[in-house]
N, C-alpha and C. Protein backbone atom coordinates (compact mmCIF):
# COMPACT_ATOMS: atom_id res chain seq x y z
N MET A 1 108.86 167.79 88.63
CA MET A 1 108.97 166.97 89.16
C MET A 1 110.22 166.19 88.90
N LYS A 2 111.09 165.48 89.47
CA LYS A 2 112.46 165.14 89.15
C LYS A 2 112.38 163.35 87.96
N LYS A 3 113.08 163.94 87.19
CA LYS A 3 113.48 163.17 85.97
C LYS A 3 114.38 161.83 86.09
N ASP A 4 113.89 160.72 86.00
CA ASP A 4 115.05 159.80 86.28
C ASP A 4 115.86 159.53 85.18
N THR A 5 117.11 159.21 85.54
CA THR A 5 118.40 158.64 84.93
C THR A 5 118.80 157.95 84.05
N ILE A 6 119.16 158.19 82.84
CA ILE A 6 119.70 157.03 81.98
C ILE A 6 121.32 157.30 81.65
N ILE A 7 121.82 156.15 81.65
CA ILE A 7 123.28 156.73 81.55
C ILE A 7 124.07 155.55 80.19
N LEU A 8 124.21 156.27 79.19
CA LEU A 8 124.73 155.41 77.82
C LEU A 8 126.35 155.26 78.41
N PHE A 9 127.00 154.20 78.38
CA PHE A 9 128.57 154.16 78.48
C PHE A 9 128.71 153.64 76.86
N ASP A 10 130.01 154.12 76.74
CA ASP A 10 131.07 153.89 75.36
C ASP A 10 131.73 152.79 75.93
N LEU A 11 132.11 152.32 75.33
CA LEU A 11 133.19 150.70 75.51
C LEU A 11 134.69 150.81 75.75
N ASP A 12 134.95 150.83 74.08
CA ASP A 12 136.26 150.65 74.09
C ASP A 12 136.96 151.83 74.91
N GLY A 13 137.98 152.31 75.72
CA GLY A 13 138.76 153.20 76.62
C GLY A 13 137.92 153.97 77.13
N THR A 14 136.67 153.52 77.71
CA THR A 14 135.47 153.77 78.78
C THR A 14 135.36 152.88 79.48
N LEU A 15 135.07 151.32 79.51
CA LEU A 15 134.99 150.44 80.07
C LEU A 15 135.90 149.70 80.24
N ILE A 16 136.67 149.08 78.88
CA ILE A 16 137.34 148.50 78.43
C ILE A 16 138.66 149.22 78.10
N ASP A 17 140.27 148.07 78.41
CA ASP A 17 141.08 148.49 77.50
C ASP A 17 141.40 147.70 76.62
N SER A 18 141.22 147.60 75.25
CA SER A 18 141.40 146.58 73.99
C SER A 18 142.27 146.78 73.31
N THR A 19 143.49 147.81 73.71
CA THR A 19 144.54 148.07 72.82
C THR A 19 145.44 147.25 72.04
N ASP A 20 145.89 146.19 73.11
CA ASP A 20 146.68 145.27 72.69
C ASP A 20 145.76 144.26 71.49
N ALA A 21 144.72 144.02 71.91
CA ALA A 21 143.81 143.12 71.22
C ALA A 21 143.63 143.44 69.79
N ILE A 22 143.52 145.22 69.84
CA ILE A 22 143.06 145.80 68.38
C ILE A 22 144.40 146.06 67.53
N VAL A 23 145.54 146.73 68.10
CA VAL A 23 146.41 147.01 67.53
C VAL A 23 147.34 145.42 67.08
N SER A 24 147.53 144.25 67.65
CA SER A 24 147.92 143.10 67.08
C SER A 24 146.98 142.78 66.26
N THR A 25 145.74 142.81 66.29
CA THR A 25 144.73 142.16 65.10
C THR A 25 145.31 142.87 63.84
N PHE A 26 145.26 144.11 63.91
CA PHE A 26 145.54 145.09 62.62
C PHE A 26 147.03 144.39 61.96
N HIS A 27 148.07 144.30 63.13
CA HIS A 27 149.66 143.54 61.99
C HIS A 27 149.10 142.29 61.78
N HIS A 28 148.46 141.76 62.64
CA HIS A 28 147.99 140.29 61.93
C HIS A 28 147.05 140.05 60.53
N SER A 29 146.55 141.03 60.75
CA SER A 29 145.61 141.19 59.02
C SER A 29 146.86 141.67 58.22
N PHE A 30 147.59 143.00 58.25
CA PHE A 30 148.43 143.05 57.20
C PHE A 30 148.94 142.23 56.71
N LYS A 31 149.69 141.14 57.97
CA LYS A 31 150.35 140.27 57.72
C LYS A 31 149.87 139.21 56.67
N VAL A 32 148.39 139.05 56.70
CA VAL A 32 148.02 137.84 56.33
C VAL A 32 147.67 138.39 54.90
N MET A 33 147.11 139.52 54.79
CA MET A 33 146.92 140.14 53.34
C MET A 33 148.22 140.60 52.96
N GLU A 34 149.27 140.51 53.13
CA GLU A 34 150.40 140.93 52.69
C GLU A 34 150.61 142.18 52.41
N TYR A 35 150.42 142.98 53.06
CA TYR A 35 150.79 144.32 53.01
C TYR A 35 151.49 145.37 53.50
N ASP A 36 152.22 145.73 53.35
CA ASP A 36 153.58 146.53 53.94
C ASP A 36 152.91 147.83 54.36
N PHE A 37 152.42 147.13 55.59
CA PHE A 37 152.48 148.54 56.89
C PHE A 37 153.23 149.53 56.97
N LYS A 38 153.50 150.87 56.46
CA LYS A 38 154.75 151.90 56.69
C LYS A 38 154.33 152.65 57.92
N GLY A 39 152.96 152.40 58.67
CA GLY A 39 152.96 153.57 59.56
C GLY A 39 153.21 153.02 61.34
N CYS A 40 152.39 153.22 62.63
CA CYS A 40 153.40 152.79 63.36
C CYS A 40 151.91 152.16 64.45
N ASP A 41 152.01 151.98 65.90
CA ASP A 41 150.80 151.39 66.55
C ASP A 41 150.34 152.88 66.74
N GLU A 42 150.73 153.64 67.08
CA GLU A 42 149.98 155.21 67.34
C GLU A 42 149.17 155.33 66.60
N ASP A 43 149.59 155.36 64.98
CA ASP A 43 148.63 155.51 63.95
C ASP A 43 146.90 154.69 63.98
N ILE A 44 147.41 153.38 64.29
CA ILE A 44 146.12 152.88 64.84
C ILE A 44 145.48 153.04 65.79
N LYS A 45 145.92 153.10 66.78
CA LYS A 45 145.42 153.84 68.14
C LYS A 45 144.69 155.01 67.81
N ALA A 46 145.15 155.88 67.48
CA ALA A 46 144.64 157.08 66.87
C ALA A 46 143.19 156.88 66.44
N LEU A 47 142.87 155.74 65.60
CA LEU A 47 141.59 155.66 65.14
C LEU A 47 140.96 154.74 65.82
N ILE A 48 140.80 154.08 67.03
CA ILE A 48 140.53 153.43 67.54
C ILE A 48 138.98 154.14 68.05
N GLY A 49 137.74 153.69 67.98
CA GLY A 49 136.47 153.73 67.81
C GLY A 49 135.74 154.66 66.92
N TYR A 50 136.49 154.30 65.27
CA TYR A 50 135.70 154.33 64.50
C TYR A 50 135.43 153.00 63.94
N PRO A 51 134.79 152.60 62.91
CA PRO A 51 134.31 151.27 62.47
C PRO A 51 135.80 150.79 61.57
N LEU A 52 135.66 149.43 61.42
CA LEU A 52 136.92 148.69 60.73
C LEU A 52 137.04 149.30 59.94
N ASP A 53 136.12 149.59 58.56
CA ASP A 53 136.54 149.84 57.64
C ASP A 53 136.98 151.31 57.12
N ILE A 54 136.51 151.96 58.47
CA ILE A 54 137.06 153.45 58.18
C ILE A 54 138.60 153.33 58.50
N MET A 55 138.86 152.56 59.64
CA MET A 55 139.95 152.38 60.34
C MET A 55 141.39 152.16 59.09
N TYR A 56 140.71 151.28 58.27
CA TYR A 56 141.51 150.60 57.14
C TYR A 56 142.11 151.58 55.94
N LYS A 57 140.72 151.98 55.82
CA LYS A 57 140.65 153.18 54.62
C LYS A 57 141.73 153.99 55.29
N ASP A 58 141.55 154.74 56.55
CA ASP A 58 142.34 155.65 56.65
C ASP A 58 144.72 155.20 56.64
N LEU A 59 144.12 154.12 57.09
CA LEU A 59 145.38 153.44 57.24
C LEU A 59 146.26 153.37 55.76
N GLY A 60 145.76 153.47 54.79
CA GLY A 60 146.09 153.28 53.46
C GLY A 60 145.17 152.28 52.82
N ILE A 61 144.56 151.38 53.13
CA ILE A 61 143.81 150.36 52.22
C ILE A 61 143.21 151.17 51.30
N GLU A 62 143.29 150.29 50.04
CA GLU A 62 142.15 150.76 49.33
C GLU A 62 140.49 150.24 49.33
N ASP A 63 139.75 151.01 48.92
CA ASP A 63 138.27 150.93 48.96
C ASP A 63 138.17 149.29 48.79
N SER A 64 138.45 149.03 47.39
CA SER A 64 138.02 147.31 46.52
C SER A 64 138.69 146.54 47.93
N LYS A 65 139.70 146.62 48.74
CA LYS A 65 139.83 145.67 49.37
C LYS A 65 139.44 146.03 50.92
N VAL A 66 139.20 146.49 51.27
CA VAL A 66 139.06 147.00 52.79
C VAL A 66 138.21 146.23 53.18
N TRP A 67 137.17 145.33 53.05
CA TRP A 67 136.21 144.08 53.38
C TRP A 67 137.04 143.23 53.77
N ASP A 68 138.07 143.04 52.90
CA ASP A 68 139.24 141.46 52.92
C ASP A 68 139.73 141.78 54.17
N PHE A 69 140.41 143.10 54.44
CA PHE A 69 141.07 143.19 55.35
C PHE A 69 140.29 142.86 56.75
N VAL A 70 139.08 143.73 56.63
CA VAL A 70 137.95 143.53 57.78
C VAL A 70 137.61 142.49 58.09
N ASP A 71 137.82 141.57 57.12
CA ASP A 71 137.68 140.11 57.73
C ASP A 71 138.62 139.21 57.84
N ALA A 72 139.91 139.66 57.51
CA ALA A 72 140.96 138.99 58.13
C ALA A 72 141.42 139.35 59.61
N TYR A 73 140.99 140.47 59.96
CA TYR A 73 140.77 141.13 61.19
C TYR A 73 139.65 140.56 62.09
N LYS A 74 138.64 140.34 62.18
CA LYS A 74 137.40 139.16 62.34
C LYS A 74 137.79 137.84 62.77
N ASN A 75 138.50 137.43 62.20
CA ASN A 75 138.97 135.83 61.73
C ASN A 75 139.91 135.84 63.25
N ARG A 76 140.66 136.66 63.48
CA ARG A 76 141.26 136.29 64.74
C ARG A 76 141.06 137.00 65.72
N TYR A 77 140.31 138.35 65.61
CA TYR A 77 139.73 139.30 66.55
C TYR A 77 138.84 138.26 67.70
N LYS A 78 138.01 137.60 66.59
CA LYS A 78 137.13 136.72 67.85
C LYS A 78 137.84 135.50 68.64
N ASP A 79 138.87 135.15 68.21
CA ASP A 79 139.79 134.62 69.29
C ASP A 79 140.36 134.88 70.20
N ILE A 80 140.75 136.32 70.09
CA ILE A 80 142.15 136.88 71.02
C ILE A 80 141.30 137.76 72.06
N SER A 81 140.14 138.09 71.87
CA SER A 81 139.03 139.36 72.15
C SER A 81 139.20 139.26 73.66
N THR A 82 139.15 138.13 74.32
CA THR A 82 138.78 138.32 75.62
C THR A 82 140.07 137.95 76.40
N LYS A 83 141.10 137.07 75.72
CA LYS A 83 142.31 137.43 76.54
C LYS A 83 143.20 138.35 76.62
N LYS A 84 143.12 139.05 75.19
CA LYS A 84 144.02 140.40 75.26
C LYS A 84 142.87 141.61 75.38
N THR A 85 141.90 141.61 76.43
CA THR A 85 141.23 142.88 76.77
C THR A 85 141.13 142.79 78.49
N LEU A 86 141.35 144.05 78.84
CA LEU A 86 141.27 144.12 80.23
C LEU A 86 139.87 145.18 80.57
N LEU A 87 139.37 144.96 81.89
CA LEU A 87 138.64 145.60 82.27
C LEU A 87 139.36 146.95 82.91
N LEU A 88 138.69 148.23 82.70
CA LEU A 88 139.84 149.61 83.21
C LEU A 88 139.62 149.86 84.65
N ASP A 89 140.40 149.73 85.12
CA ASP A 89 140.31 150.40 86.48
C ASP A 89 138.91 151.09 87.00
N LYS A 90 138.19 150.16 88.12
CA LYS A 90 137.07 151.05 88.56
C LYS A 90 135.69 151.12 87.37
N ALA A 91 136.06 150.39 86.16
CA ALA A 91 134.99 150.31 85.73
C ALA A 91 133.88 149.33 85.83
N TYR A 92 134.49 148.07 86.67
CA TYR A 92 132.76 147.66 87.36
C TYR A 92 132.34 148.32 88.35
N GLU A 93 133.06 149.04 89.36
CA GLU A 93 132.53 149.78 89.97
C GLU A 93 131.50 151.09 89.45
N ALA A 94 132.02 151.39 88.58
CA ALA A 94 131.41 152.68 87.26
C ALA A 94 130.37 151.82 87.04
N VAL A 95 129.74 150.70 86.61
CA VAL A 95 128.56 150.13 86.18
C VAL A 95 127.78 149.94 87.28
N GLN A 96 128.48 149.05 88.07
CA GLN A 96 127.25 148.90 89.24
C GLN A 96 126.94 150.15 89.77
N LEU A 97 127.95 151.34 90.38
CA LEU A 97 127.07 152.36 90.80
C LEU A 97 126.07 152.97 89.91
N ALA A 98 126.18 152.90 88.77
CA ALA A 98 124.93 153.70 88.03
C ALA A 98 124.09 152.62 87.90
N ALA A 99 123.80 151.91 87.62
CA ALA A 99 122.57 150.97 87.71
C ALA A 99 121.70 150.99 89.23
N SER A 100 122.55 151.41 90.17
CA SER A 100 122.08 151.71 91.21
C SER A 100 121.19 152.73 91.44
N PHE A 101 120.74 153.67 90.54
CA PHE A 101 120.31 154.85 90.60
C PHE A 101 119.77 155.31 89.70
N ALA A 102 120.15 154.72 88.01
CA ALA A 102 119.67 154.94 86.76
C ALA A 102 119.74 153.58 86.14
N ARG A 103 118.81 154.35 84.48
CA ARG A 103 118.98 152.95 84.00
C ARG A 103 119.89 153.31 83.08
N VAL A 104 120.73 151.56 82.47
CA VAL A 104 122.18 151.93 81.91
C VAL A 104 122.27 151.10 80.46
N SER A 105 122.59 151.34 79.51
CA SER A 105 122.51 150.78 78.27
C SER A 105 123.99 151.09 77.63
N VAL A 106 124.49 150.52 76.89
CA VAL A 106 126.19 150.30 76.06
C VAL A 106 125.97 151.24 74.38
N VAL A 107 126.81 151.95 74.43
CA VAL A 107 126.66 152.25 73.08
C VAL A 107 128.04 152.30 72.25
N THR A 108 128.66 151.11 71.41
CA THR A 108 129.36 150.72 70.80
C THR A 108 129.49 151.18 69.28
N THR A 109 130.79 151.10 68.74
CA THR A 109 130.59 151.32 67.28
C THR A 109 131.48 149.52 66.98
N LYS A 110 131.83 148.48 68.11
CA LYS A 110 131.93 147.04 68.25
C LYS A 110 130.81 146.37 67.68
N THR A 111 130.92 145.47 66.91
CA THR A 111 129.36 144.70 66.84
C THR A 111 129.06 144.08 67.85
N ARG A 112 128.05 144.09 68.26
CA ARG A 112 127.34 143.15 69.32
C ARG A 112 128.40 141.67 69.17
N LYS A 113 128.47 140.94 68.02
CA LYS A 113 129.16 139.37 68.05
C LYS A 113 130.25 139.28 68.95
N TYR A 114 130.88 140.80 69.26
CA TYR A 114 132.37 140.92 69.76
C TYR A 114 132.03 141.49 71.27
N THR A 115 130.82 142.44 71.59
CA THR A 115 130.78 143.18 72.55
C THR A 115 130.10 142.50 73.72
N MET A 116 128.95 141.44 73.23
CA MET A 116 128.51 140.76 74.15
C MET A 116 129.38 139.34 75.14
N PRO A 117 130.10 138.66 74.02
CA PRO A 117 131.13 137.76 74.93
C PRO A 117 132.27 138.66 75.83
N LEU A 118 132.78 139.94 75.48
CA LEU A 118 133.33 140.63 76.67
C LEU A 118 132.41 141.21 77.47
N LEU A 119 131.22 141.53 77.73
CA LEU A 119 130.32 141.85 78.96
C LEU A 119 130.03 140.88 79.62
N GLU A 120 130.60 139.55 78.82
CA GLU A 120 129.55 138.42 80.09
C GLU A 120 131.00 137.70 80.50
N HIS A 121 131.91 138.26 79.52
CA HIS A 121 133.72 137.42 80.63
C HIS A 121 134.05 138.46 81.76
N PHE A 122 133.30 139.95 81.73
CA PHE A 122 133.82 140.81 83.10
C PHE A 122 132.57 140.74 83.34
N ASP A 123 131.37 140.12 83.47
CA ASP A 123 130.47 139.56 84.13
C ASP A 123 129.82 141.07 84.19
N ILE A 124 129.59 141.68 83.84
CA ILE A 124 129.05 143.26 83.69
C ILE A 124 127.67 143.09 82.73
N ASN A 125 127.26 142.43 82.06
CA ASN A 125 126.24 142.26 80.63
C ASN A 125 124.60 142.43 81.70
N LYS A 126 124.80 142.11 82.99
CA LYS A 126 123.89 141.62 84.05
C LYS A 126 122.89 143.91 84.31
N TYR A 127 123.76 144.28 83.60
CA TYR A 127 123.67 145.48 84.23
C TYR A 127 123.27 146.49 83.30
N PHE A 128 123.09 145.60 82.04
CA PHE A 128 122.53 146.95 81.06
C PHE A 128 121.75 146.49 80.33
N GLU A 129 120.48 147.46 79.71
CA GLU A 129 119.61 147.12 79.56
C GLU A 129 119.43 146.73 77.87
N ILE A 130 119.93 147.86 77.04
CA ILE A 130 120.34 147.79 75.81
C ILE A 130 121.73 147.65 75.33
N VAL A 131 122.13 146.79 74.31
CA VAL A 131 123.82 147.13 74.03
C VAL A 131 123.61 147.25 72.78
N THR A 132 123.52 148.10 71.88
CA THR A 132 123.54 148.76 70.33
C THR A 132 125.08 148.93 70.20
N GLY A 133 125.47 148.08 68.89
CA GLY A 133 126.36 147.40 68.47
C GLY A 133 126.51 148.39 67.00
N ARG A 134 127.80 147.92 66.32
CA ARG A 134 127.67 148.94 65.04
C ARG A 134 126.54 148.12 63.71
N GLU A 135 126.11 147.11 63.93
CA GLU A 135 125.20 146.59 63.20
C GLU A 135 123.99 146.78 63.46
N CYS A 136 123.71 147.52 64.31
CA CYS A 136 122.48 148.06 65.02
C CYS A 136 121.69 149.03 64.44
N VAL A 137 122.88 150.03 63.28
CA VAL A 137 122.67 150.87 62.91
C VAL A 137 123.03 151.32 61.53
N GLN A 138 122.68 151.97 60.52
CA GLN A 138 123.33 152.58 59.67
C GLN A 138 124.59 153.31 59.30
N ASN A 139 124.44 154.29 60.64
CA ASN A 139 125.44 155.82 60.54
C ASN A 139 126.01 155.54 62.19
N PRO A 140 127.34 155.24 61.76
CA PRO A 140 127.75 154.84 63.62
C PRO A 140 128.12 156.13 64.08
N LYS A 141 128.85 156.41 65.47
CA LYS A 141 129.05 157.41 66.03
C LYS A 141 130.11 158.21 65.30
N PRO A 142 130.23 159.32 64.84
CA PRO A 142 129.57 160.32 65.69
C PRO A 142 128.30 160.95 65.37
N HIS A 143 127.48 160.10 63.91
CA HIS A 143 126.34 160.55 63.87
C HIS A 143 125.47 159.90 64.87
N PRO A 144 124.31 160.23 65.34
CA PRO A 144 123.44 160.44 66.36
C PRO A 144 122.56 159.12 66.44
N GLU A 145 122.38 158.46 65.18
CA GLU A 145 121.53 157.63 65.09
C GLU A 145 121.85 156.21 66.24
N PRO A 146 123.24 155.77 66.66
CA PRO A 146 123.33 154.95 68.14
C PRO A 146 123.06 155.50 69.57
N ILE A 147 122.88 156.66 69.98
CA ILE A 147 122.37 157.44 70.94
C ILE A 147 120.63 157.02 70.54
N LEU A 148 120.29 157.66 69.65
CA LEU A 148 118.73 157.74 68.74
C LEU A 148 117.90 156.33 69.35
N LYS A 149 118.72 155.36 68.61
CA LYS A 149 117.89 154.07 68.27
C LYS A 149 118.06 153.49 70.07
N THR A 150 119.58 153.68 70.71
CA THR A 150 119.35 153.09 72.11
C THR A 150 117.84 153.91 72.80
N LEU A 151 117.87 154.97 72.54
CA LEU A 151 116.84 155.96 73.47
C LEU A 151 115.55 155.27 73.37
N SER A 152 115.59 155.37 72.15
CA SER A 152 114.21 154.21 71.15
C SER A 152 113.81 153.16 71.88
N ASP A 153 115.13 152.44 72.04
CA ASP A 153 114.74 151.09 72.23
C ASP A 153 114.11 151.04 74.20
N MET A 154 115.04 152.35 74.56
CA MET A 154 114.41 152.27 76.01
C MET A 154 113.43 153.13 76.38
N ASN A 155 112.80 153.47 75.33
CA ASN A 155 111.44 154.15 75.49
C ASN A 155 111.66 155.40 76.21
N PHE A 156 113.04 156.30 75.90
CA PHE A 156 112.84 157.68 75.99
C PHE A 156 111.88 158.43 75.84
N ASP A 157 111.65 159.33 77.03
CA ASP A 157 110.59 160.62 77.16
C ASP A 157 111.22 161.53 77.63
N LYS A 158 111.77 162.79 76.93
CA LYS A 158 112.29 163.93 77.24
C LYS A 158 111.90 164.78 78.43
N THR A 159 110.32 164.26 78.69
CA THR A 159 109.84 165.09 79.89
C THR A 159 110.06 164.51 81.12
N LYS A 160 110.56 162.73 80.69
CA LYS A 160 110.68 162.18 82.07
C LYS A 160 112.13 161.45 82.14
N HIS A 161 113.01 161.85 81.54
CA HIS A 161 114.47 161.17 81.35
C HIS A 161 115.57 162.31 81.25
N ASP A 162 116.76 162.28 81.91
CA ASP A 162 117.52 163.12 81.67
C ASP A 162 118.69 162.05 81.45
N VAL A 163 119.64 162.18 80.30
CA VAL A 163 120.16 161.36 79.53
C VAL A 163 121.86 161.72 79.52
N TRP A 164 122.61 160.65 80.43
CA TRP A 164 123.98 161.01 80.05
C TRP A 164 125.12 160.08 79.28
N MET A 165 125.76 160.64 78.13
CA MET A 165 126.74 159.91 77.48
C MET A 165 127.94 159.85 78.21
N ILE A 166 128.35 158.61 78.76
CA ILE A 166 130.06 158.88 79.29
C ILE A 166 130.61 158.09 77.66
N GLY A 167 131.87 159.07 77.78
CA GLY A 167 132.86 158.39 76.69
C GLY A 167 134.15 159.12 76.51
N ASP A 168 135.08 158.26 75.80
CA ASP A 168 136.31 158.61 75.97
C ASP A 168 137.06 159.35 74.75
N THR A 169 136.47 159.51 73.62
CA THR A 169 136.45 160.32 72.12
C THR A 169 135.76 161.37 72.07
N LYS A 170 136.20 162.13 70.91
CA LYS A 170 135.49 163.12 70.49
C LYS A 170 134.14 162.27 69.86
N LEU A 171 134.26 161.36 69.08
CA LEU A 171 132.78 160.31 68.58
C LEU A 171 131.93 160.16 69.61
N ASP A 172 132.15 160.17 70.70
CA ASP A 172 131.02 159.63 71.67
C ASP A 172 130.52 161.41 72.26
N LEU A 173 130.93 162.22 72.40
CA LEU A 173 130.77 163.62 72.71
C LEU A 173 129.99 164.39 71.63
N ILE A 174 130.35 164.28 70.40
CA ILE A 174 129.71 164.61 69.22
C ILE A 174 128.44 164.08 69.07
N CYS A 175 128.25 162.71 69.20
CA CYS A 175 127.11 161.69 68.98
C CYS A 175 126.38 162.09 70.26
N ALA A 176 126.63 162.33 71.45
CA ALA A 176 125.88 162.95 72.52
C ALA A 176 125.28 164.60 72.04
N ASN A 177 126.23 165.63 71.58
CA ASN A 177 125.73 166.51 71.37
C ASN A 177 124.67 166.80 70.03
N GLU A 178 124.81 165.99 69.28
CA GLU A 178 123.93 165.65 68.10
C GLU A 178 122.47 165.17 68.47
N SER A 179 122.70 164.26 69.91
CA SER A 179 121.49 163.85 69.94
C SER A 179 120.91 164.54 71.35
N SER A 180 121.15 165.51 71.47
CA SER A 180 120.98 166.81 72.49
C SER A 180 120.89 166.47 73.73
N ILE A 181 121.80 165.77 74.10
CA ILE A 181 121.73 164.81 75.44
C ILE A 181 122.97 165.46 76.26
N ASN A 182 122.82 165.03 77.35
CA ASN A 182 124.40 165.39 78.29
C ASN A 182 125.55 164.44 78.01
N SER A 183 126.78 164.81 78.51
CA SER A 183 127.83 164.28 78.18
C SER A 183 128.96 164.31 79.35
N VAL A 184 129.74 163.18 79.27
CA VAL A 184 131.05 163.42 80.30
C VAL A 184 132.45 163.28 79.38
N GLY A 185 132.98 163.51 79.33
CA GLY A 185 134.19 163.14 78.67
C GLY A 185 135.21 162.11 79.78
N VAL A 186 135.92 160.81 79.29
CA VAL A 186 136.83 160.36 80.58
C VAL A 186 138.47 160.58 79.56
N LEU A 187 138.96 160.36 80.79
CA LEU A 187 140.57 160.33 80.08
C LEU A 187 141.44 159.11 80.29
N CYS A 188 140.41 158.06 80.17
CA CYS A 188 141.46 156.80 80.56
C CYS A 188 141.63 156.27 79.17
N GLY A 189 140.92 156.73 78.32
CA GLY A 189 140.91 156.03 77.03
C GLY A 189 141.82 156.71 76.18
N TYR A 190 141.22 157.11 74.78
CA TYR A 190 142.14 157.45 73.71
C TYR A 190 141.91 159.07 73.20
N GLY A 191 140.99 160.00 73.87
CA GLY A 191 140.91 161.09 74.14
C GLY A 191 142.00 161.93 74.63
N SER A 192 142.71 162.95 74.19
CA SER A 192 143.44 163.95 75.27
C SER A 192 142.20 165.19 75.33
N GLN A 193 142.55 165.58 76.72
CA GLN A 193 141.68 166.50 77.91
C GLN A 193 141.01 167.50 76.22
N GLU A 194 142.83 168.11 75.93
CA GLU A 194 142.25 169.20 74.86
C GLU A 194 141.19 168.70 73.94
N GLU A 195 141.30 167.86 73.27
CA GLU A 195 140.12 167.57 72.06
C GLU A 195 139.00 167.26 72.80
N LEU A 196 138.87 166.43 74.34
CA LEU A 196 137.47 166.49 74.28
C LEU A 196 136.57 167.50 74.98
N LEU A 197 137.63 168.67 75.57
CA LEU A 197 136.85 169.77 76.03
C LEU A 197 136.26 170.72 74.84
N GLU A 198 136.76 170.42 73.92
CA GLU A 198 136.10 170.77 72.56
C GLU A 198 134.57 170.91 72.42
N TYR A 199 134.20 169.65 73.29
CA TYR A 199 132.89 168.94 72.71
C TYR A 199 132.21 168.79 74.16
N THR A 200 132.86 168.87 75.10
CA THR A 200 131.89 168.88 76.37
C THR A 200 132.60 169.74 77.60
N LYS A 201 132.43 170.09 78.87
CA LYS A 201 132.61 170.80 79.52
C LYS A 201 133.02 170.15 80.68
N ASN A 202 132.55 168.78 81.10
CA ASN A 202 132.50 167.82 81.65
C ASN A 202 133.46 166.80 81.57
N ILE A 203 134.74 166.68 82.09
CA ILE A 203 136.09 166.12 82.04
C ILE A 203 136.25 165.32 83.31
N LYS A 204 136.12 164.05 83.59
CA LYS A 204 136.57 163.65 84.19
C LYS A 204 137.49 162.19 84.23
N ASN A 205 138.14 161.55 85.25
CA ASN A 205 139.33 161.08 84.94
C ASN A 205 139.12 159.33 84.43
N ASP A 206 137.63 159.23 84.80
CA ASP A 206 137.38 157.82 84.11
C ASP A 206 136.43 157.61 84.27
N ALA A 207 135.58 156.22 84.39
CA ALA A 207 134.11 155.97 84.45
C ALA A 207 133.35 156.31 85.24
N PHE A 208 133.95 155.56 86.87
CA PHE A 208 133.81 155.99 87.78
C PHE A 208 133.34 157.16 88.33
N ASP A 209 134.44 158.37 87.96
CA ASP A 209 134.23 159.34 88.52
C ASP A 209 133.23 160.18 87.82
N ALA A 210 132.99 159.82 86.64
CA ALA A 210 132.06 160.17 85.61
C ALA A 210 130.23 159.99 86.30
N VAL A 211 130.13 158.64 86.54
CA VAL A 211 129.10 158.30 87.18
C VAL A 211 129.21 159.08 88.91
N LYS A 212 129.92 158.84 89.44
CA LYS A 212 129.83 159.39 90.62
C LYS A 212 129.16 161.44 90.12
N TYR A 213 129.71 162.03 89.44
CA TYR A 213 129.58 163.40 89.26
C TYR A 213 127.83 163.72 88.87
N ILE A 214 128.04 162.48 88.04
CA ILE A 214 126.11 162.07 87.50
C ILE A 214 125.22 162.31 88.75
N LYS A 215 125.75 160.94 89.54
CA LYS A 215 124.70 161.06 91.03
C LYS A 215 124.57 162.29 91.64
N GLU A 216 125.85 162.42 91.87
CA GLU A 216 125.66 163.93 92.71
C GLU A 216 125.22 164.88 92.47
N LEU A 217 124.78 165.17 90.76
CA LEU A 217 124.22 166.37 90.22
C LEU A 217 122.54 165.57 90.32
N ASN A 218 122.18 164.52 90.92
CA ASN A 218 120.98 163.78 90.99
C ASN A 218 120.27 163.83 92.20
N ILE A 219 121.29 164.00 93.26
CA ILE A 219 120.93 163.85 94.76
C ILE A 219 119.83 165.56 95.07
C-alpha cells in the first residue's frame, strides 16, 4: 500500500529571508542594552536557526542578562518583522505544490507569535495544518521534540505516512535524523552544501526543487 506524504517545512532560510530583520534587531538590542558588540553581521547570521537565548549567549552575553536582551529584541522585532522579511523565490509555489499532494506543516524555532503574522502576511498560512513554534516544545531543534510533537498533532502513523523535513541548516537535518524521518537540505538559506551533506544525501537549491524531488519519488 502506498503511503500518504507529510512534508514539514522549516521557516527562516527555507521559505523566508528574514536576515535583515534579525540582524538589524540584534544590533538594536545591543544599542538599547548599551552592549559594545565586537562581532560582525556574519557572526549573527551563523547562529540563525538557534533560539534567541542561545544566540545571545554565543555572541557573548552573560547568562544573567540574556533574557533582558531577548526582551529588547522582541520589542522591536514585532514591529518590523513583516516589513523587513521577504518570501524566498519560489517559496509560495513550493508550499502550494506540496499541499497539492501532501499534508504540510511548519516546524520552526520562531515562536508562533511572530510566525503566524508572517505566514498570514505572505498568504501561505492557509496551506499549513500545524505550525510548531519555539513555545510549543521544551527542547528546540536539533532535538527531535519539535518534529515528534508536530507528527503527534498530525496523528502520524509510520505504517501509513512517509514524512519529509525540508530545511536549510544542520539543525533541521539533525532533528529529522533523530526523528527517523527523511530530509532534504536546501541551499537558499544559512547552511553550506558541505555542512548539509554531513546529515543528508538529498540537497536541492530551494524549497520548490525539494518539493518537486519528493513528488517525483511518490509518482
